[in-house]
PDB file of N, CA and C in Angstrom:
ATOM      1  N   MET A   1      47.896 249.686  -2.807  1.00  0.00           N
ATOM      2  CA  MET A   1      47.827 251.100  -2.799  1.00  0.00           C
ATOM      3  C   MET A   1      48.307 251.621  -4.154  1.00  0.00           C
ATOM      4  N   GLU A   2      47.531 252.531  -4.741  1.00  0.00           N
ATOM      5  CA  GLU A   2      47.774 253.092  -6.050  1.00  0.00           C
ATOM      6  C   GLU A   2      48.693 254.294  -5.889  1.00  0.00           C
ATOM      7  N   GLU A   3      49.775 254.372  -6.710  1.00  0.00           N
ATOM      8  CA  GLU A   3      50.685 255.539  -6.631  1.00  0.00           C
ATOM      9  C   GLU A   3      50.187 256.673  -7.527  1.00  0.00           C
ATOM     10  N   ASN A   4      50.475 257.852  -7.063  1.00  0.00           N
ATOM     11  CA  ASN A   4      50.084 259.078  -7.781  1.00  0.00           C
ATOM     12  C   ASN A   4      51.192 259.507  -8.714  1.00  0.00           C
ATOM     13  N   LYS A   5      50.913 259.412 -10.033  1.00  0.00           N
ATOM     14  CA  LYS A   5      51.989 259.736 -10.989  1.00  0.00           C
ATOM     15  C   LYS A   5      52.262 261.277 -11.078  1.00  0.00           C
ATOM     16  N   ASP A   6      51.421 262.039 -10.458  1.00  0.00           N
ATOM     17  CA  ASP A   6      51.645 263.484 -10.421  1.00  0.00           C
ATOM     18  C   ASP A   6      52.557 264.004  -9.334  1.00  0.00           C
ATOM     19  N   ILE A   7      53.040 263.051  -8.530  1.00  0.00           N
ATOM     20  CA  ILE A   7      53.974 263.419  -7.459  1.00  0.00           C
ATOM     21  C   ILE A   7      55.308 263.842  -8.094  1.00  0.00           C
ATOM     22  N   GLU A   8      55.817 265.000  -7.674  1.00  0.00           N
ATOM     23  CA  GLU A   8      57.080 265.449  -8.199  1.00  0.00           C
ATOM     24  C   GLU A   8      58.231 264.570  -7.801  1.00  0.00           C
ATOM     25  N   LEU A   9      59.218 264.556  -8.636  1.00  0.00           N
ATOM     26  CA  LEU A   9      60.441 263.783  -8.313  1.00  0.00           C
ATOM     27  C   LEU A   9      61.281 264.535  -7.281  1.00  0.00           C
ATOM     28  N   ASN A  10      61.844 263.776  -6.360  1.00  0.00           N
ATOM     29  CA  ASN A  10      62.769 264.402  -5.446  1.00  0.00           C
ATOM     30  C   ASN A  10      64.189 264.507  -6.180  1.00  0.00           C
ATOM     31  N   PRO A  11      65.110 265.242  -5.595  1.00  0.00           N
ATOM     32  CA  PRO A  11      66.376 265.484  -6.279  1.00  0.00           C
ATOM     33  C   PRO A  11      67.075 264.160  -6.704  1.00  0.00           C
ATOM     34  N   LYS A  12      67.043 263.150  -5.821  1.00  0.00           N
ATOM     35  CA  LYS A  12      67.730 261.875  -6.169  1.00  0.00           C
ATOM     36  C   LYS A  12      67.032 261.197  -7.287  1.00  0.00           C
ATOM     37  N   GLN A  13      65.657 261.249  -7.293  1.00  0.00           N
ATOM     38  CA  GLN A  13      64.945 260.638  -8.399  1.00  0.00           C
ATOM     39  C   GLN A  13      65.245 261.370  -9.686  1.00  0.00           C
ATOM     40  N   LYS A  14      65.363 262.688  -9.663  1.00  0.00           N
ATOM     41  CA  LYS A  14      65.663 263.453 -10.849  1.00  0.00           C
ATOM     42  C   LYS A  14      67.037 263.058 -11.406  1.00  0.00           C
ATOM     43  N   LYS A  15      68.025 262.928 -10.498  1.00  0.00           N
ATOM     44  CA  LYS A  15      69.346 262.540 -10.864  1.00  0.00           C
ATOM     45  C   LYS A  15      69.345 261.138 -11.496  1.00  0.00           C
ATOM     46  N   PHE A  16      68.585 260.228 -10.888  1.00  0.00           N
ATOM     47  CA  PHE A  16      68.439 258.839 -11.371  1.00  0.00           C
ATOM     48  C   PHE A  16      67.836 258.864 -12.782  1.00  0.00           C
ATOM     49  N   VAL A  17      66.791 259.613 -12.985  1.00  0.00           N
ATOM     50  CA  VAL A  17      66.101 259.633 -14.288  1.00  0.00           C
ATOM     51  C   VAL A  17      67.034 260.245 -15.329  1.00  0.00           C
ATOM     52  N   ASN A  18      67.742 261.292 -15.028  1.00  0.00           N
ATOM     53  CA  ASN A  18      68.653 261.921 -15.965  1.00  0.00           C
ATOM     54  C   ASN A  18      69.785 260.966 -16.322  1.00  0.00           C
ATOM     55  N   SER A  19      70.229 260.195 -15.372  1.00  0.00           N
ATOM     56  CA  SER A  19      71.304 259.216 -15.650  1.00  0.00           C
ATOM     57  C   SER A  19      70.779 258.134 -16.576  1.00  0.00           C
ATOM     58  N   VAL A  20      69.622 257.596 -16.284  1.00  0.00           N
ATOM     59  CA  VAL A  20      69.020 256.588 -17.166  1.00  0.00           C
ATOM     60  C   VAL A  20      68.760 257.130 -18.572  1.00  0.00           C
ATOM     61  N   ALA A  21      68.229 258.360 -18.629  1.00  0.00           N
ATOM     62  CA  ALA A  21      67.960 259.001 -19.912  1.00  0.00           C
ATOM     63  C   ALA A  21      69.227 259.247 -20.709  1.00  0.00           C
ATOM     64  N   SER A  22      70.337 259.405 -20.004  1.00  0.00           N
ATOM     65  CA  SER A  22      71.680 259.607 -20.693  1.00  0.00           C
ATOM     66  C   SER A  22      72.274 258.346 -21.149  1.00  0.00           C
ATOM     67  N   GLY A  23      71.646 257.210 -20.807  1.00  0.00           N
ATOM     68  CA  GLY A  23      72.195 255.964 -21.335  1.00  0.00           C
ATOM     69  C   GLY A  23      72.690 254.924 -20.290  1.00  0.00           C
ATOM     70  N   ASP A  24      72.791 255.371 -19.021  1.00  0.00           N
ATOM     71  CA  ASP A  24      73.222 254.441 -17.997  1.00  0.00           C
ATOM     72  C   ASP A  24      72.124 253.392 -17.748  1.00  0.00           C
ATOM     73  N   SER A  25      72.532 252.245 -17.311  1.00  0.00           N
ATOM     74  CA  SER A  25      71.543 251.256 -16.918  1.00  0.00           C
ATOM     75  C   SER A  25      70.870 251.740 -15.574  1.00  0.00           C
ATOM     76  N   ALA A  26      69.679 251.252 -15.370  1.00  0.00           N
ATOM     77  CA  ALA A  26      68.967 251.652 -14.193  1.00  0.00           C
ATOM     78  C   ALA A  26      69.763 251.222 -12.952  1.00  0.00           C
ATOM     79  N   THR A  27      70.356 250.024 -12.967  1.00  0.00           N
ATOM     80  CA  THR A  27      71.160 249.562 -11.837  1.00  0.00           C
ATOM     81  C   THR A  27      72.340 250.489 -11.535  1.00  0.00           C
ATOM     82  N   ASN A  28      73.086 250.837 -12.586  1.00  0.00           N
ATOM     83  CA  ASN A  28      74.274 251.692 -12.413  1.00  0.00           C
ATOM     84  C   ASN A  28      73.867 253.103 -11.977  1.00  0.00           C
ATOM     85  N   ALA A  29      72.747 253.587 -12.519  1.00  0.00           N
ATOM     86  CA  ALA A  29      72.240 254.892 -12.122  1.00  0.00           C
ATOM     87  C   ALA A  29      71.869 254.856 -10.655  1.00  0.00           C
ATOM     88  N   TYR A  30      71.245 253.792 -10.219  1.00  0.00           N
ATOM     89  CA  TYR A  30      70.804 253.654  -8.815  1.00  0.00           C
ATOM     90  C   TYR A  30      72.055 253.636  -7.875  1.00  0.00           C
ATOM     91  N   ILE A  31      73.064 252.891  -8.276  1.00  0.00           N
ATOM     92  CA  ILE A  31      74.301 252.809  -7.471  1.00  0.00           C
ATOM     93  C   ILE A  31      74.902 254.181  -7.362  1.00  0.00           C
ATOM     94  N   GLU A  32      74.976 254.874  -8.511  1.00  0.00           N
ATOM     95  CA  GLU A  32      75.582 256.244  -8.504  1.00  0.00           C
ATOM     96  C   GLU A  32      74.851 257.225  -7.592  1.00  0.00           C
ATOM     97  N   VAL A  33      73.528 257.162  -7.677  1.00  0.00           N
ATOM     98  CA  VAL A  33      72.730 258.136  -6.970  1.00  0.00           C
ATOM     99  C   VAL A  33      72.553 257.782  -5.497  1.00  0.00           C
ATOM    100  N   TYR A  34      72.220 256.523  -5.248  1.00  0.00           N
ATOM    101  CA  TYR A  34      71.903 256.105  -3.897  1.00  0.00           C
ATOM    102  C   TYR A  34      73.032 255.440  -3.100  1.00  0.00           C
ATOM    103  N   GLY A  35      74.092 255.106  -3.830  1.00  0.00           N
ATOM    104  CA  GLY A  35      75.305 254.556  -3.207  1.00  0.00           C
ATOM    105  C   GLY A  35      75.059 253.252  -2.447  1.00  0.00           C
ATOM    106  N   CYS A  36      74.599 252.278  -3.167  1.00  0.00           N
ATOM    107  CA  CYS A  36      74.389 250.930  -2.480  1.00  0.00           C
ATOM    108  C   CYS A  36      75.044 249.848  -3.310  1.00  0.00           C
ATOM    109  N   GLN A  37      75.014 248.661  -2.797  1.00  0.00           N
ATOM    110  CA  GLN A  37      75.653 247.526  -3.478  1.00  0.00           C
ATOM    111  C   GLN A  37      74.877 247.116  -4.725  1.00  0.00           C
ATOM    112  N   LYS A  38      75.540 246.504  -5.639  1.00  0.00           N
ATOM    113  CA  LYS A  38      74.931 246.148  -6.919  1.00  0.00           C
ATOM    114  C   LYS A  38      73.740 245.163  -6.728  1.00  0.00           C
ATOM    115  N   GLY A  39      73.841 244.202  -5.821  1.00  0.00           N
ATOM    116  CA  GLY A  39      72.754 243.281  -5.634  1.00  0.00           C
ATOM    117  C   GLY A  39      71.471 243.886  -5.217  1.00  0.00           C
ATOM    118  N   SER A  40      71.523 244.834  -4.265  1.00  0.00           N
ATOM    119  CA  SER A  40      70.312 245.485  -3.821  1.00  0.00           C
ATOM    120  C   SER A  40      69.906 246.577  -4.798  1.00  0.00           C
ATOM    121  N   ALA A  41      70.864 247.118  -5.528  1.00  0.00           N
ATOM    122  CA  ALA A  41      70.554 248.206  -6.476  1.00  0.00           C
ATOM    123  C   ALA A  41      69.680 247.706  -7.632  1.00  0.00           C
ATOM    124  N   ALA A  42      69.918 246.475  -8.076  1.00  0.00           N
ATOM    125  CA  ALA A  42      69.157 245.987  -9.191  1.00  0.00           C
ATOM    126  C   ALA A  42      67.644 245.914  -8.885  1.00  0.00           C
ATOM    127  N   SER A  43      67.332 245.364  -7.727  1.00  0.00           N
ATOM    128  CA  SER A  43      65.906 245.267  -7.401  1.00  0.00           C
ATOM    129  C   SER A  43      65.315 246.624  -7.051  1.00  0.00           C
ATOM    130  N   ALA A  44      66.051 247.452  -6.409  1.00  0.00           N
ATOM    131  CA  ALA A  44      65.589 248.803  -6.065  1.00  0.00           C
ATOM    132  C   ALA A  44      65.383 249.629  -7.309  1.00  0.00           C
ATOM    133  N   ALA A  45      66.312 249.498  -8.256  1.00  0.00           N
ATOM    134  CA  ALA A  45      66.215 250.313  -9.507  1.00  0.00           C
ATOM    135  C   ALA A  45      65.024 249.791 -10.275  1.00  0.00           C
ATOM    136  N   SER A  46      64.712 248.477 -10.260  1.00  0.00           N
ATOM    137  CA  SER A  46      63.563 247.933 -10.933  1.00  0.00           C
ATOM    138  C   SER A  46      62.245 248.515 -10.365  1.00  0.00           C
ATOM    139  N   ARG A  47      62.220 248.595  -9.025  1.00  0.00           N
ATOM    140  CA  ARG A  47      60.993 249.131  -8.368  1.00  0.00           C
ATOM    141  C   ARG A  47      60.849 250.586  -8.753  1.00  0.00           C
ATOM    142  N   LEU A  48      61.956 251.332  -8.741  1.00  0.00           N
ATOM    143  CA  LEU A  48      61.910 252.748  -9.080  1.00  0.00           C
ATOM    144  C   LEU A  48      61.462 252.949 -10.573  1.00  0.00           C
ATOM    145  N   MET A  49      61.949 252.164 -11.444  1.00  0.00           N
ATOM    146  CA  MET A  49      61.559 252.235 -12.867  1.00  0.00           C
ATOM    147  C   MET A  49      60.102 251.913 -13.100  1.00  0.00           C
ATOM    148  N   GLY A  50      59.467 251.320 -12.130  1.00  0.00           N
ATOM    149  CA  GLY A  50      58.041 250.964 -12.271  1.00  0.00           C
ATOM    150  C   GLY A  50      57.110 252.083 -11.708  1.00  0.00           C
ATOM    151  N   GLN A  51      57.679 253.082 -11.070  1.00  0.00           N
ATOM    152  CA  GLN A  51      56.832 254.145 -10.537  1.00  0.00           C
ATOM    153  C   GLN A  51      56.364 255.051 -11.674  1.00  0.00           C
ATOM    154  N   PRO A  52      55.049 255.375 -11.600  1.00  0.00           N
ATOM    155  CA  PRO A  52      54.468 256.165 -12.689  1.00  0.00           C
ATOM    156  C   PRO A  52      55.109 257.493 -12.909  1.00  0.00           C
ATOM    157  N   ASN A  53      55.549 258.185 -11.851  1.00  0.00           N
ATOM    158  CA  ASN A  53      56.191 259.514 -12.043  1.00  0.00           C
ATOM    159  C   ASN A  53      57.600 259.364 -12.694  1.00  0.00           C
ATOM    160  N   ILE A  54      58.254 258.257 -12.444  1.00  0.00           N
ATOM    161  CA  ILE A  54      59.579 258.002 -13.044  1.00  0.00           C
ATOM    162  C   ILE A  54      59.340 257.699 -14.564  1.00  0.00           C
ATOM    163  N   ILE A  55      58.389 256.881 -14.824  1.00  0.00           N
ATOM    164  CA  ILE A  55      58.097 256.512 -16.217  1.00  0.00           C
ATOM    165  C   ILE A  55      57.655 257.751 -17.007  1.00  0.00           C
ATOM    166  N   GLU A  56      56.813 258.585 -16.382  1.00  0.00           N
ATOM    167  CA  GLU A  56      56.357 259.779 -17.057  1.00  0.00           C
ATOM    168  C   GLU A  56      57.534 260.749 -17.395  1.00  0.00           C
ATOM    169  N   GLU A  57      58.432 260.907 -16.462  1.00  0.00           N
ATOM    170  CA  GLU A  57      59.564 261.803 -16.677  1.00  0.00           C
ATOM    171  C   GLU A  57      60.512 261.233 -17.727  1.00  0.00           C
ATOM    172  N   LEU A  58      60.762 259.943 -17.737  1.00  0.00           N
ATOM    173  CA  LEU A  58      61.575 259.339 -18.803  1.00  0.00           C
ATOM    174  C   LEU A  58      60.940 259.538 -20.139  1.00  0.00           C
ATOM    175  N   ASP A  59      59.650 259.317 -20.247  1.00  0.00           N
ATOM    176  CA  ASP A  59      58.915 259.552 -21.474  1.00  0.00           C
ATOM    177  C   ASP A  59      59.008 261.003 -21.915  1.00  0.00           C
ATOM    178  N   ARG A  60      58.879 261.934 -20.998  1.00  0.00           N
ATOM    179  CA  ARG A  60      58.988 263.383 -21.355  1.00  0.00           C
ATOM    180  C   ARG A  60      60.388 263.668 -21.861  1.00  0.00           C
ATOM    181  N   LEU A  61      61.403 263.143 -21.239  1.00  0.00           N
ATOM    182  CA  LEU A  61      62.751 263.405 -21.673  1.00  0.00           C
ATOM    183  C   LEU A  61      62.995 262.770 -23.049  1.00  0.00           C
ATOM    184  N   LYS A  62      62.458 261.616 -23.295  1.00  0.00           N
ATOM    185  CA  LYS A  62      62.653 260.959 -24.565  1.00  0.00           C
ATOM    186  C   LYS A  62      62.013 261.771 -25.691  1.00  0.00           C
ATOM    187  N   VAL A  63      60.819 262.293 -25.467  1.00  0.00           N
ATOM    188  CA  VAL A  63      60.116 263.106 -26.471  1.00  0.00           C
ATOM    189  C   VAL A  63      60.902 264.388 -26.731  1.00  0.00           C
ATOM    190  N   ALA A  64      61.408 264.982 -25.621  1.00  0.00           N
ATOM    191  CA  ALA A  64      62.156 266.218 -25.768  1.00  0.00           C
ATOM    192  C   ALA A  64      63.435 265.990 -26.608  1.00  0.00           C
ATOM    193  N   ALA A  65      64.136 264.855 -26.339  1.00  0.00           N
ATOM    194  CA  ALA A  65      65.307 264.564 -27.118  1.00  0.00           C
ATOM    195  C   ALA A  65      65.004 264.277 -28.572  1.00  0.00           C
ATOM    196  N   GLN A  66      63.870 263.578 -28.840  1.00  0.00           N
ATOM    197  CA  GLN A  66      63.460 263.361 -30.248  1.00  0.00           C
ATOM    198  C   GLN A  66      63.165 264.726 -30.924  1.00  0.00           C
ATOM    199  N   LYS A  67      62.494 265.623 -30.298  1.00  0.00           N
ATOM    200  CA  LYS A  67      62.205 266.938 -30.917  1.00  0.00           C
ATOM    201  C   LYS A  67      63.500 267.667 -31.181  1.00  0.00           C
ATOM    202  N   LYS A  68      64.420 267.622 -30.257  1.00  0.00           N
ATOM    203  CA  LYS A  68      65.683 268.372 -30.422  1.00  0.00           C
ATOM    204  C   LYS A  68      66.424 267.767 -31.609  1.00  0.00           C
ATOM    205  N   THR A  69      66.449 266.436 -31.736  1.00  0.00           N
ATOM    206  CA  THR A  69      67.094 265.780 -32.851  1.00  0.00           C
ATOM    207  C   THR A  69      66.464 266.187 -34.181  1.00  0.00           C
ATOM    208  N   PHE A  70      65.138 266.135 -34.183  1.00  0.00           N
ATOM    209  CA  PHE A  70      64.424 266.542 -35.382  1.00  0.00           C
ATOM    210  C   PHE A  70      64.717 267.977 -35.805  1.00  0.00           C
ATOM    211  N   ILE A  71      64.755 268.843 -34.885  1.00  0.00           N
ATOM    212  CA  ILE A  71      65.065 270.254 -35.175  1.00  0.00           C
ATOM    213  C   ILE A  71      66.509 270.356 -35.776  1.00  0.00           C
ATOM    214  N   LYS A  72      67.442 269.628 -35.186  1.00  0.00           N
ATOM    215  CA  LYS A  72      68.821 269.663 -35.687  1.00  0.00           C
ATOM    216  C   LYS A  72      68.826 269.140 -37.107  1.00  0.00           C
ATOM    217  N   LEU A  73      68.087 268.053 -37.389  1.00  0.00           N
ATOM    218  CA  LEU A  73      68.064 267.538 -38.749  1.00  0.00           C
ATOM    219  C   LEU A  73      67.472 268.469 -39.696  1.00  0.00           C
ATOM    220  N   LEU A  74      66.398 269.203 -39.292  1.00  0.00           N
ATOM    221  CA  LEU A  74      65.817 270.192 -40.181  1.00  0.00           C
ATOM    222  C   LEU A  74      66.805 271.304 -40.465  1.00  0.00           C
ATOM    223  N   LYS A  75      67.540 271.743 -39.468  1.00  0.00           N
ATOM    224  CA  LYS A  75      68.521 272.828 -39.653  1.00  0.00           C
ATOM    225  C   LYS A  75      69.647 272.359 -40.610  1.00  0.00           C
ATOM    226  N   MET A  76      70.068 271.106 -40.460  1.00  0.00           N
ATOM    227  CA  MET A  76      71.124 270.608 -41.314  1.00  0.00           C
ATOM    228  C   MET A  76      70.649 270.534 -42.720  1.00  0.00           C
ATOM    229  N   ASP A  77      69.417 270.059 -42.884  1.00  0.00           N
ATOM    230  CA  ASP A  77      68.844 269.951 -44.242  1.00  0.00           C
ATOM    231  C   ASP A  77      68.727 271.313 -44.878  1.00  0.00           C
ATOM    232  N   TYR A  78      68.215 272.272 -44.086  1.00  0.00           N
ATOM    233  CA  TYR A  78      68.046 273.628 -44.593  1.00  0.00           C
ATOM    234  C   TYR A  78      69.437 274.215 -45.017  1.00  0.00           C
ATOM    235  N   THR A  79      70.426 274.021 -44.183  1.00  0.00           N
ATOM    236  CA  THR A  79      71.746 274.550 -44.458  1.00  0.00           C
ATOM    237  C   THR A  79      72.323 273.951 -45.728  1.00  0.00           C
ATOM    238  N   SER A  80      72.076 272.675 -45.955  1.00  0.00           N
ATOM    239  CA  SER A  80      72.580 272.033 -47.170  1.00  0.00           C
ATOM    240  C   SER A  80      71.895 272.495 -48.445  1.00  0.00           C
ATOM    241  N   LEU A  81      70.717 273.112 -48.289  1.00  0.00           N
ATOM    242  CA  LEU A  81      69.990 273.626 -49.448  1.00  0.00           C
ATOM    243  C   LEU A  81      70.522 274.993 -49.907  1.00  0.00           C
ATOM    244  N   GLN A  82      71.200 275.656 -49.044  1.00  0.00           N
ATOM    245  CA  GLN A  82      71.687 277.039 -49.371  1.00  0.00           C
ATOM    246  C   GLN A  82      72.934 276.980 -50.195  1.00  0.00           C
TER     247      GLN A  82
END
């Protein structure tokens, strides 16, 4: 069965993605969000990380963070020229 990457994330998935995007491991993020044991969290987190909608959201957050960093660098560079 093919998964639809356009399916919106549910609140727990959003929290998981934000945690991973902030630097937590997928396993630790899964434990934090879903409250399960580490052994089962590793395989569950791996499955979740393979879902197209999760991948798409992580990519979107990564691009947004890169743009934000670039803008900050431009502002710092501009400020140093004054």
